[in-house]
N, C-alpha and C. Protein backbone atom coordinates (compact mmCIF):
# COMPACT_ATOMS: atom_id res chain seq x y z
N MET A 1 100.26 174.64 95.20
CA MET A 1 99.29 174.27 94.85
C MET A 1 97.84 175.53 95.26
N ASN A 2 96.96 176.08 93.97
CA ASN A 2 96.20 177.11 94.64
C ASN A 2 94.92 176.25 95.10
N ILE A 3 93.79 177.25 95.23
CA ILE A 3 92.80 176.82 95.94
C ILE A 3 92.43 175.79 95.54
N ILE A 4 92.49 176.07 94.00
CA ILE A 4 91.28 174.70 93.14
C ILE A 4 91.36 173.92 93.36
N ASP A 5 92.73 173.70 92.46
CA ASP A 5 93.90 172.40 93.01
C ASP A 5 93.61 171.57 94.47
N PHE A 6 93.49 172.42 95.65
CA PHE A 6 93.43 171.91 96.79
C PHE A 6 92.07 171.58 97.15
N GLN A 7 90.49 172.45 96.39
CA GLN A 7 89.79 171.36 96.19
C GLN A 7 89.19 170.28 96.15
N ARG A 8 89.99 169.96 95.05
CA ARG A 8 89.51 169.40 93.87
C ARG A 8 90.33 168.15 94.89
N LYS A 9 91.14 168.20 94.78
CA LYS A 9 92.09 165.97 95.91
C LYS A 9 91.47 166.83 96.91
N LEU A 10 90.58 167.40 98.14
CA LEU A 10 90.54 167.36 99.03
C LEU A 10 89.38 167.11 99.41
N ASP A 11 88.45 167.45 98.09
CA ASP A 11 86.91 167.18 98.43
C ASP A 11 86.75 165.74 98.84
N LYS A 12 87.08 165.05 98.30
CA LYS A 12 86.70 163.59 98.73
C LYS A 12 86.84 163.37 99.89
N TYR A 13 87.62 163.80 100.87
CA TYR A 13 87.76 163.31 102.00
C TYR A 13 86.43 164.17 103.36
N GLN A 14 86.04 164.99 102.65
CA GLN A 14 85.29 166.05 103.19
C GLN A 14 85.38 166.04 104.39
N VAL A 15 85.99 165.54 105.54
CA VAL A 15 87.05 166.60 107.25
C VAL A 15 88.19 165.51 106.88
N PHE A 16 89.17 166.78 106.85
CA PHE A 16 90.24 166.46 106.86
C PHE A 16 91.47 166.69 107.41
N SER A 17 92.38 166.32 107.34
CA SER A 17 93.51 166.73 108.76
C SER A 17 94.73 167.34 108.07
N LEU A 18 95.55 168.13 108.63
CA LEU A 18 97.14 168.23 108.17
C LEU A 18 97.42 166.94 107.53
N ARG A 19 97.51 166.08 107.85
CA ARG A 19 98.75 164.69 107.41
C ARG A 19 97.83 164.06 106.04
N ASP A 20 96.88 164.69 105.97
CA ASP A 20 95.96 164.23 104.60
C ASP A 20 96.74 165.02 103.65
N ILE A 21 96.95 166.16 104.18
CA ILE A 21 97.12 167.55 102.91
C ILE A 21 99.13 167.38 102.76
N GLU A 22 99.32 167.05 103.87
CA GLU A 22 100.58 166.86 103.85
C GLU A 22 100.89 164.90 102.69
N LYS A 23 100.13 164.78 102.94
CA LYS A 23 99.70 163.37 102.06
C LYS A 23 100.29 163.13 100.75
N ILE A 24 99.09 164.60 99.89
CA ILE A 24 98.84 165.56 98.55
C ILE A 24 99.83 166.14 98.02
N ASP A 25 100.30 166.64 99.21
CA ASP A 25 101.48 167.28 99.03
C ASP A 25 102.72 167.96 99.83
N PRO A 26 103.71 166.94 99.90
CA PRO A 26 104.66 167.52 100.72
C PRO A 26 105.34 168.46 101.48
N LEU A 27 105.25 169.60 100.14
CA LEU A 27 105.62 170.66 100.83
C LEU A 27 104.94 171.82 100.46
N PHE A 28 103.91 170.89 101.04
CA PHE A 28 102.58 172.26 101.49
C PHE A 28 102.99 173.30 102.86
N LYS A 29 102.25 174.23 102.29
CA LYS A 29 103.06 174.69 104.04
C LYS A 29 101.82 175.51 104.72
N ARG A 30 101.66 174.92 106.23
CA ARG A 30 100.61 175.03 106.96
C ARG A 30 100.35 176.62 107.20
N ILE A 31 100.55 177.61 106.63
CA ILE A 31 100.78 178.87 106.80
C ILE A 31 99.32 179.12 105.41
N GLN A 32 99.45 178.52 104.52
CA GLN A 32 98.13 178.83 103.15
C GLN A 32 97.16 178.15 104.58
N ILE A 33 96.99 177.16 104.82
CA ILE A 33 95.47 176.70 105.72
C ILE A 33 95.09 178.40 106.65
N ASP A 34 95.60 178.81 107.04
CA ASP A 34 95.33 179.96 108.00
C ASP A 34 94.86 180.99 107.09
N ARG A 35 95.86 181.26 106.46
CA ARG A 35 95.29 182.24 104.75
C ARG A 35 93.99 181.76 104.43
N TRP A 36 93.99 180.72 104.20
CA TRP A 36 93.09 180.10 102.95
C TRP A 36 91.11 180.18 104.22
N GLU A 37 91.70 179.58 105.56
CA GLU A 37 90.71 180.15 106.37
C GLU A 37 90.43 181.82 106.64
N LYS A 38 90.93 182.50 107.19
CA LYS A 38 90.57 183.84 107.00
C LYS A 38 89.49 184.24 105.65
N LYS A 39 89.80 183.73 104.35
CA LYS A 39 89.29 184.17 103.48
C LYS A 39 88.04 183.30 103.12
N GLY A 40 87.76 182.32 103.93
CA GLY A 40 86.25 181.65 103.86
C GLY A 40 86.92 180.34 103.01
N TYR A 41 87.65 179.79 102.68
CA TYR A 41 87.51 179.20 101.53
C TYR A 41 87.04 177.51 102.57
N ILE A 42 87.47 178.07 103.90
CA ILE A 42 87.64 176.36 104.48
C ILE A 42 87.85 176.87 106.17
N ILE A 43 87.07 176.24 107.07
CA ILE A 43 86.50 175.81 107.94
C ILE A 43 87.57 175.23 108.83
N LYS A 44 87.65 176.14 110.16
CA LYS A 44 88.71 174.34 111.19
C LYS A 44 87.40 174.12 112.06
N ILE A 45 87.39 172.24 111.82
CA ILE A 45 86.94 171.83 112.74
C ILE A 45 86.74 172.24 114.75
N LYS A 46 88.29 171.52 115.13
CA LYS A 46 89.22 171.53 115.85
C LYS A 46 90.49 172.00 115.39
N ARG A 47 91.41 171.48 116.20
CA ARG A 47 92.95 172.09 115.97
C ARG A 47 93.50 170.90 115.00
N GLY A 48 94.05 171.25 113.78
CA GLY A 48 94.38 169.88 113.24
C GLY A 48 93.17 169.63 112.04
N PHE A 49 92.18 169.95 112.06
CA PHE A 49 91.16 169.10 110.91
C PHE A 49 90.27 170.40 110.68
N TYR A 50 90.06 170.02 109.56
CA TYR A 50 89.48 171.04 108.60
C TYR A 50 88.16 170.42 107.67
N SER A 51 87.63 171.25 107.10
CA SER A 51 86.91 170.87 105.84
C SER A 51 86.51 172.35 104.63
N LEU A 52 86.10 171.17 103.72
CA LEU A 52 85.61 172.36 102.52
C LEU A 52 84.65 173.35 103.49
N ALA A 53 84.50 175.08 103.00
CA ALA A 53 83.36 175.99 103.18
C ALA A 53 81.82 175.40 102.92
N ASP A 54 82.61 174.85 102.39
CA ASP A 54 81.54 174.38 100.70
C ASP A 54 80.29 173.50 100.83
N ASN A 55 81.01 172.54 102.31
CA ASN A 55 80.09 171.38 102.36
C ASN A 55 78.72 171.74 103.13
N GLU A 56 77.82 171.02 102.77
CA GLU A 56 76.32 170.90 103.35
C GLU A 56 76.86 170.24 104.91
N LEU A 57 76.41 171.66 105.56
CA LEU A 57 76.29 170.79 107.24
C LEU A 57 75.10 169.76 107.56
N SER A 58 75.35 168.60 107.03
CA SER A 58 74.08 167.45 106.70
C SER A 58 75.16 166.66 108.13
N GLU A 59 73.21 165.73 108.17
CA GLU A 59 73.83 164.97 109.64
C GLU A 59 75.29 163.67 109.42
N GLN A 60 74.85 163.17 107.73
CA GLN A 60 75.79 162.19 107.86
C GLN A 60 77.36 162.86 107.53
N PHE A 61 77.26 164.53 107.36
CA PHE A 61 78.76 165.33 107.37
C PHE A 61 79.13 165.30 108.88
N LEU A 62 77.96 165.39 109.93
CA LEU A 62 78.77 165.47 111.07
C LEU A 62 79.07 163.90 111.72
N LEU A 63 78.46 163.17 111.63
CA LEU A 63 78.57 161.78 112.26
C LEU A 63 79.64 161.38 111.48
N LEU A 64 79.50 161.83 110.03
CA LEU A 64 81.67 161.74 109.92
C LEU A 64 82.51 162.66 110.24
N THR A 65 82.11 163.69 110.92
CA THR A 65 83.18 164.61 111.29
C THR A 65 83.40 163.79 113.05
N ALA A 66 82.63 163.37 113.86
CA ALA A 66 82.64 162.95 114.50
C ALA A 66 83.35 162.02 115.06
N ASN A 67 83.51 160.41 114.17
CA ASN A 67 83.93 159.77 113.18
C ASN A 67 85.82 159.79 113.31
N ARG A 68 85.81 161.00 112.19
CA ARG A 68 87.30 161.69 112.10
C ARG A 68 87.92 162.32 113.48
N ILE A 69 87.39 162.80 113.97
CA ILE A 69 88.55 164.12 114.73
C ILE A 69 88.33 163.84 116.10
N TYR A 70 88.58 162.69 116.44
CA TYR A 70 88.89 161.77 117.46
C TYR A 70 88.68 160.15 117.02
N SER A 71 89.85 159.70 117.32
CA SER A 71 89.97 158.09 116.58
C SER A 71 90.31 157.27 117.75
N PRO A 72 90.52 155.73 117.71
CA PRO A 72 89.42 155.21 117.29
C PRO A 72 88.06 155.59 118.04
N SER A 73 86.57 155.26 117.33
CA SER A 73 85.51 155.95 117.88
C SER A 73 84.21 155.16 116.61
N TYR A 74 83.17 155.37 117.00
CA TYR A 74 82.27 155.09 116.43
C TYR A 74 80.98 155.85 116.99
N ILE A 75 80.32 155.79 116.51
CA ILE A 75 78.50 157.02 117.21
C ILE A 75 78.09 155.14 117.85
N SER A 76 77.51 156.40 119.03
CA SER A 76 77.03 155.22 119.83
C SER A 76 75.56 155.94 120.84
N LEU A 77 75.40 155.00 122.60
CA LEU A 77 74.61 156.19 122.90
C LEU A 77 73.75 156.50 122.23
N GLU A 78 73.40 158.11 122.57
CA GLU A 78 72.16 158.98 122.59
C GLU A 78 71.11 158.93 120.95
N LYS A 79 72.82 159.45 120.47
CA LYS A 79 73.31 159.64 119.08
C LYS A 79 72.71 158.40 118.06
N ALA A 80 73.44 157.03 118.39
CA ALA A 80 72.69 155.73 117.95
C ALA A 80 71.77 155.34 117.94
N LEU A 81 71.26 155.49 119.57
CA LEU A 81 69.41 155.07 119.49
C LEU A 81 68.22 156.25 119.01
N LYS A 82 68.39 157.14 118.85
CA LYS A 82 67.47 158.31 117.83
C LYS A 82 68.05 157.39 116.58
N PHE A 83 68.73 157.62 115.69
CA PHE A 83 69.15 157.25 114.79
C PHE A 83 68.35 155.61 114.05
N TYR A 84 68.39 155.57 115.23
CA TYR A 84 67.55 153.81 114.83
C TYR A 84 66.42 153.58 115.07
N GLY A 85 65.28 155.03 116.36
CA GLY A 85 63.71 155.23 115.97
C GLY A 85 63.67 154.50 117.30
N LEU A 86 64.83 154.14 118.41
CA LEU A 86 64.80 153.60 119.53
C LEU A 86 64.13 154.70 120.99
N ILE A 87 64.71 155.90 120.43
CA ILE A 87 64.00 156.72 121.43
C ILE A 87 63.60 158.40 120.90
N PRO A 88 62.39 158.86 121.81
CA PRO A 88 61.95 159.79 120.19
C PRO A 88 62.72 161.18 120.42
N GLU A 89 63.02 161.32 121.90
CA GLU A 89 63.77 162.69 122.00
C GLU A 89 64.88 162.74 120.70
N GLU A 90 65.23 164.47 119.92
CA GLU A 90 65.68 164.63 119.38
C GLU A 90 67.38 164.83 120.21
N VAL A 91 68.12 164.88 119.44
CA VAL A 91 69.50 164.22 120.01
C VAL A 91 70.75 165.03 119.44
N PHE A 92 70.90 166.36 120.11
CA PHE A 92 71.57 167.17 118.66
C PHE A 92 73.35 167.06 118.84
N GLN A 93 73.72 166.47 120.03
CA GLN A 93 74.69 166.51 120.60
C GLN A 93 75.11 164.48 119.58
N ILE A 94 76.53 164.96 119.15
CA ILE A 94 76.53 163.50 118.23
C ILE A 94 77.78 163.03 119.54
N THR A 95 77.20 161.56 120.11
CA THR A 95 77.42 160.49 120.72
C THR A 95 78.08 159.90 120.74
N SER A 96 79.79 160.02 120.84
CA SER A 96 80.44 158.47 120.75
C SER A 96 81.14 157.75 121.30
N VAL A 97 81.48 156.54 121.36
CA VAL A 97 82.53 156.12 122.37
C VAL A 97 84.02 155.45 121.27
N SER A 98 85.14 155.83 122.84
CA SER A 98 86.04 155.97 121.86
C SER A 98 87.35 155.05 123.12
N THR A 99 88.21 154.48 122.90
CA THR A 99 89.28 153.59 123.43
C THR A 99 89.91 155.05 123.98
N LYS A 100 90.22 155.89 123.74
CA LYS A 100 90.81 157.02 124.95
C LYS A 100 89.53 158.20 126.25
N LYS A 101 90.00 158.72 125.85
CA LYS A 101 89.41 159.44 127.70
C LYS A 101 88.25 160.15 126.81
N THR A 102 87.35 159.51 128.21
CA THR A 102 86.40 160.62 128.00
C THR A 102 86.65 162.65 127.14
N ILE A 103 86.12 162.62 126.78
CA ILE A 103 86.13 164.35 126.24
C ILE A 103 84.58 164.99 125.06
N HIS A 104 85.22 166.01 125.69
CA HIS A 104 83.57 167.28 124.24
C HIS A 104 84.28 168.06 123.75
N PHE A 105 83.90 167.85 122.57
CA PHE A 105 84.92 169.29 122.04
C PHE A 105 83.16 170.27 121.03
N GLN A 106 83.36 171.34 121.29
CA GLN A 106 82.08 172.37 121.14
C GLN A 106 82.74 173.30 119.96
N ALA A 107 83.11 172.16 119.05
CA ALA A 107 83.57 172.77 116.88
C ALA A 107 81.82 173.80 117.41
N SER A 108 82.59 174.49 115.86
CA SER A 108 81.95 175.40 114.88
C SER A 108 80.50 175.35 114.58
N ILE A 109 80.87 173.43 114.37
CA ILE A 109 79.80 173.26 113.44
C ILE A 109 78.56 172.47 114.23
N GLY A 110 79.29 172.24 115.72
CA GLY A 110 78.68 170.92 116.19
C GLY A 110 79.39 170.73 117.76
N SER A 111 78.17 170.26 118.67
CA SER A 111 78.67 169.47 120.14
C SER A 111 79.20 168.33 119.52
N PHE A 112 80.27 167.61 119.83
CA PHE A 112 80.64 166.81 119.98
C PHE A 112 81.31 166.07 121.14
N SER A 113 80.67 164.53 121.43
CA SER A 113 81.07 164.05 122.97
C SER A 113 81.43 162.44 122.57
N TYR A 114 82.43 161.97 123.72
CA TYR A 114 83.29 160.56 123.63
C TYR A 114 82.99 159.85 125.05
N CYS A 115 82.68 158.86 125.26
CA CYS A 115 82.52 158.17 126.04
C CYS A 115 83.68 157.15 126.34
N SER A 116 85.01 156.79 127.18
CA SER A 116 85.51 156.15 126.98
C SER A 116 85.20 154.68 127.80
N ILE A 117 85.76 153.55 126.82
CA ILE A 117 85.29 152.19 126.80
C ILE A 117 86.47 151.47 127.02
N LYS A 118 86.51 150.25 127.57
CA LYS A 118 88.38 149.37 127.59
C LYS A 118 88.02 149.10 126.10
N PRO A 119 89.31 148.77 125.42
CA PRO A 119 89.31 148.32 124.33
C PRO A 119 88.98 147.37 123.93
N ASP A 120 88.94 146.28 125.08
CA ASP A 120 88.12 144.81 124.79
C ASP A 120 86.52 145.25 124.78
N LEU A 121 85.78 146.51 124.43
CA LEU A 121 84.77 146.65 124.16
C LEU A 121 84.26 146.72 123.07
N PHE A 122 85.50 147.14 122.32
CA PHE A 122 84.91 147.90 121.03
C PHE A 122 85.40 147.31 120.05
N TRP A 123 83.32 147.20 119.87
CA TRP A 123 83.36 146.23 118.85
C TRP A 123 81.64 146.44 119.04
N GLY A 124 81.62 145.94 118.24
CA GLY A 124 79.46 145.99 117.72
C GLY A 124 79.71 146.92 116.63
N TYR A 125 80.32 147.04 115.78
CA TYR A 125 80.00 148.75 114.86
C TYR A 125 79.90 148.55 113.90
N ARG A 126 79.13 149.03 112.90
CA ARG A 126 78.89 148.32 111.22
C ARG A 126 79.15 149.32 110.69
N LEU A 127 80.31 149.37 109.22
CA LEU A 127 80.61 150.88 107.99
C LEU A 127 79.05 151.32 107.65
N MET A 128 79.00 152.97 107.86
CA MET A 128 77.15 152.92 107.28
C MET A 128 77.67 153.35 106.01
N GLU A 129 76.72 153.73 104.92
CA GLU A 129 76.45 154.61 104.22
C GLU A 129 77.48 155.88 104.08
N GLY A 130 78.65 156.65 103.59
CA GLY A 130 79.40 157.24 103.50
C GLY A 130 80.80 157.23 104.58
N ARG A 131 80.73 156.32 104.90
CA ARG A 131 82.26 155.45 105.83
C ARG A 131 82.10 156.11 107.23
N ILE A 132 80.71 156.64 108.04
CA ILE A 132 80.82 156.31 108.71
C ILE A 132 80.53 155.87 109.78
N LEU A 133 81.09 154.86 110.75
CA LEU A 133 80.84 153.70 112.20
C LEU A 133 80.12 154.20 112.54
N MET A 134 79.28 153.14 112.73
CA MET A 134 77.67 153.62 113.40
C MET A 134 77.93 152.39 114.61
N ALA A 135 77.34 152.00 116.27
CA ALA A 135 77.11 151.39 116.94
C ALA A 135 75.61 150.56 116.00
N GLU A 136 76.13 149.27 116.03
CA GLU A 136 74.29 148.41 116.16
C GLU A 136 73.96 148.83 117.07
N PRO A 137 72.81 148.41 116.68
CA PRO A 137 71.29 148.80 118.08
C PRO A 137 71.14 148.18 119.03
N GLU A 138 71.64 146.90 119.02
CA GLU A 138 72.51 146.15 120.18
C GLU A 138 73.70 146.61 120.96
N LYS A 139 74.72 147.22 120.59
CA LYS A 139 75.10 147.77 121.44
C LYS A 139 75.43 149.33 121.89
N ALA A 140 74.75 149.75 120.56
CA ALA A 140 74.56 151.23 121.20
C ALA A 140 73.42 150.91 122.78
N ILE A 141 72.77 150.31 122.51
CA ILE A 141 72.02 149.76 123.64
C ILE A 141 72.67 149.62 124.68
N LEU A 142 73.85 148.39 124.61
CA LEU A 142 74.47 148.18 125.78
C LEU A 142 75.50 149.42 125.85
N ASP A 143 75.88 149.40 125.49
CA ASP A 143 77.19 150.84 125.34
C ASP A 143 76.34 151.21 126.67
N TYR A 144 74.81 151.84 126.30
CA TYR A 144 74.33 153.24 127.04
C TYR A 144 74.41 152.65 128.20
N LEU A 145 74.00 151.31 128.67
CA LEU A 145 73.28 150.92 130.03
C LEU A 145 74.52 150.40 130.73
N TYR A 146 75.83 150.24 130.14
CA TYR A 146 77.28 149.91 130.15
C TYR A 146 77.51 151.29 131.25
N LEU A 147 77.78 152.58 130.26
CA LEU A 147 78.36 153.86 130.49
C LEU A 147 77.04 154.70 131.71
N HIS A 148 75.73 153.88 131.49
CA HIS A 148 75.37 154.37 132.89
C HIS A 148 74.96 153.52 134.02
N PRO A 149 75.61 153.53 134.98
CA PRO A 149 74.75 151.91 135.94
C PRO A 149 74.06 152.70 136.83
N GLU A 150 74.02 153.57 136.93
CA GLU A 150 72.65 154.71 137.64
C GLU A 150 71.25 154.07 137.46
N ILE A 151 71.24 153.59 135.78
CA ILE A 151 70.12 153.05 135.62
C ILE A 151 69.89 151.81 135.62
N LYS A 152 69.15 151.68 136.95
CA LYS A 152 69.15 149.92 136.70
C LYS A 152 67.94 149.39 138.05
N THR A 153 66.59 150.31 137.74
CA THR A 153 65.41 149.65 138.45
C THR A 153 64.14 149.72 136.99
N ALA A 154 63.21 149.11 136.71
CA ALA A 154 62.10 149.11 135.77
C ALA A 154 61.63 150.91 135.55
N ASP A 155 61.51 151.33 136.85
CA ASP A 155 61.22 152.51 136.59
C ASP A 155 62.41 153.77 135.22
N ASP A 156 63.03 153.39 136.36
CA ASP A 156 64.54 153.85 135.39
C ASP A 156 64.46 153.81 133.76
N PHE A 157 64.33 152.14 133.65
CA PHE A 157 64.32 151.15 132.19
C PHE A 157 62.97 152.36 131.56
N ILE A 158 61.74 152.79 131.96
CA ILE A 158 60.72 153.23 131.49
C ILE A 158 61.23 154.58 131.80
N GLU A 159 61.64 155.44 132.03
CA GLU A 159 62.51 156.65 132.26
C GLU A 159 62.88 156.36 130.13
N MET A 160 63.73 155.60 130.25
CA MET A 160 64.78 155.74 128.93
C MET A 160 63.59 155.94 127.74
N ARG A 161 62.32 155.88 127.61
CA ARG A 161 61.34 155.60 126.77
C ARG A 161 61.61 155.54 125.36
N ILE A 162 62.19 154.08 125.82
CA ILE A 162 62.42 153.47 124.16
C ILE A 162 61.14 152.68 123.77
N ASN A 163 61.49 152.68 122.10
CA ASN A 163 60.52 152.58 121.66
C ASN A 163 60.24 151.48 121.51
N THR A 164 58.91 150.67 121.68
CA THR A 164 59.12 149.22 121.87
C THR A 164 58.43 148.40 120.67
N ASP A 165 58.33 149.52 119.81
CA ASP A 165 57.94 148.77 118.25
C ASP A 165 58.98 148.54 117.41
N SER A 166 59.87 149.76 117.85
CA SER A 166 60.73 150.10 117.04
C SER A 166 62.09 148.94 117.78
N PHE A 167 62.32 148.92 118.30
CA PHE A 167 63.21 147.72 119.50
C PHE A 167 62.73 145.89 118.98
N ARG A 168 61.98 145.71 118.81
CA ARG A 168 61.43 144.20 118.08
C ARG A 168 61.86 144.61 116.88
N ASP A 169 61.94 145.55 116.22
CA ASP A 169 62.09 146.28 114.62
C ASP A 169 63.37 145.56 114.38
N LYS A 170 63.94 146.49 115.60
CA LYS A 170 65.16 146.99 114.63
C LYS A 170 66.65 145.74 115.62
N VAL A 171 65.83 145.26 117.18
CA VAL A 171 66.88 144.19 117.83
C VAL A 171 66.87 143.04 117.31
N ASP A 172 67.87 142.20 117.48
CA ASP A 172 67.82 140.71 117.26
C ASP A 172 68.86 140.57 118.97
N LEU A 173 67.39 139.94 120.01
CA LEU A 173 67.53 139.49 120.76
C LEU A 173 68.50 138.78 120.88
N LYS A 174 69.16 137.23 119.87
CA LYS A 174 69.73 136.48 120.46
C LYS A 174 71.20 137.17 120.37
N LYS A 175 71.43 138.42 118.99
CA LYS A 175 72.35 138.85 119.42
C LYS A 175 72.73 139.86 120.61
N PHE A 176 71.67 140.41 120.86
CA PHE A 176 71.74 141.60 121.79
C PHE A 176 72.17 140.77 123.17
N ARG A 177 71.60 138.81 123.91
CA ARG A 177 71.69 138.39 125.00
C ARG A 177 73.59 138.33 124.51
N ILE A 178 74.06 137.27 123.53
CA ILE A 178 75.24 137.31 123.25
C ILE A 178 76.13 138.54 123.38
N TYR A 179 75.76 139.24 122.77
CA TYR A 179 76.77 141.43 122.86
C TYR A 179 76.44 140.95 124.58
N ALA A 180 75.52 141.07 125.15
CA ALA A 180 75.92 141.80 126.51
C ALA A 180 76.60 140.45 127.58
N ASN A 181 76.38 139.07 127.19
CA ASN A 181 77.28 138.05 127.88
C ASN A 181 78.90 138.58 127.45
N ALA A 182 79.11 139.32 126.72
CA ALA A 182 80.53 139.97 125.99
C ALA A 182 81.16 140.36 126.67
N PHE A 183 80.62 141.37 126.81
CA PHE A 183 80.33 142.14 128.46
C PHE A 183 81.49 141.93 129.67
N LYS A 184 81.10 140.72 130.05
CA LYS A 184 81.81 140.22 131.09
C LYS A 184 81.34 140.69 132.84
N ASN A 185 79.90 141.16 132.48
CA ASN A 185 80.02 141.76 133.97
C ASN A 185 78.66 142.03 134.44
N LYS A 186 78.75 140.80 135.41
CA LYS A 186 77.39 140.69 135.90
C LYS A 186 76.38 141.53 136.80
N ALA A 187 76.88 142.78 136.59
CA ALA A 187 76.14 143.79 137.36
C ALA A 187 74.84 144.13 136.33
N LEU A 188 75.86 144.37 134.84
CA LEU A 188 75.76 144.69 134.39
C LEU A 188 74.06 143.40 133.15
N LEU A 189 74.43 142.00 133.47
CA LEU A 189 73.62 141.51 133.07
C LEU A 189 72.51 141.40 133.48
N LYS A 190 72.14 141.76 135.46
CA LYS A 190 71.67 141.46 136.42
C LYS A 190 70.41 143.13 135.21
N ARG A 191 70.97 143.46 135.38
CA ARG A 191 70.68 145.05 134.45
C ARG A 191 69.69 144.41 133.20
N VAL A 192 70.21 144.27 131.80
CA VAL A 192 69.58 144.00 131.11
C VAL A 192 68.59 142.60 131.68
N LYS A 193 68.33 141.64 132.37
CA LYS A 193 67.17 140.87 132.48
C LYS A 193 66.08 141.81 132.53
N ILE A 194 66.28 142.85 133.52
CA ILE A 194 65.03 143.63 134.20
C ILE A 194 64.63 144.47 133.13
N PHE A 195 65.73 145.33 131.88
CA PHE A 195 65.71 145.96 131.55
C PHE A 195 64.61 144.97 130.22
N LEU A 196 65.08 143.97 129.69
CA LEU A 196 64.75 143.23 129.06
C LEU A 196 63.00 142.80 129.31
N LYS A 197 62.78 142.72 130.78
CA LYS A 197 61.98 142.61 131.43
C LYS A 197 60.80 143.67 130.78
N THR A 198 61.25 144.51 131.23
CA THR A 198 60.37 146.05 131.54
C THR A 198 59.91 146.27 129.96
N ILE A 199 60.55 146.27 128.90
CA ILE A 199 60.46 146.18 127.40
C ILE A 199 59.52 144.94 127.21
N LYS A 200 59.38 144.32 127.43
CA LYS A 200 58.21 142.63 127.25
C LYS A 200 57.15 143.27 127.37
N ASN A 201 57.00 144.25 129.23
CA ASN A 201 55.69 144.32 129.92
C ASN A 201 55.75 145.76 129.26
N ASP A 202 56.09 145.91 128.48
CA ASP A 202 55.49 147.33 128.09
C ASP A 202 54.49 147.60 127.04
């Protein structure tokens, strides 16, 4: 398979693995990947994952990359909070949660971090445009609170700088409470009550 055929067949993947290549061409020699990388036709993102060099490094591409290079995972925490306009700060690192171990990748195209959660908490995400798995706004907040137990007082929640207008617009309070109860964590529920009271009074 020459580079033109390779680009045409792999273009739909945007981010592809060696396994994806082998599905298309079982006889493909892995050494060819190294040659094409040296020639600048493809970019190595991390071990076993690549992209065509002419892909635009858009936010959508980076979010999809985060899903692909460490699976199962979905975008959550600070990146999802920023996506929904719930926090004002720019978030340059792509933050996700996964049922695998907590890990961080500093790749050539960006920084990717993954926080581990229990398999029975791996829910509350949606399939977005571009085949991206993203936490719903309610779950993004709860994932953040669950993984940051040190945030527990009204002052702590004020320091999160949640945009109250975006919260009212994007967050379904009924769903938020249902999701909070689904964590089956009394300490979290106690903190959620303080969080909601703080948001209401802001």
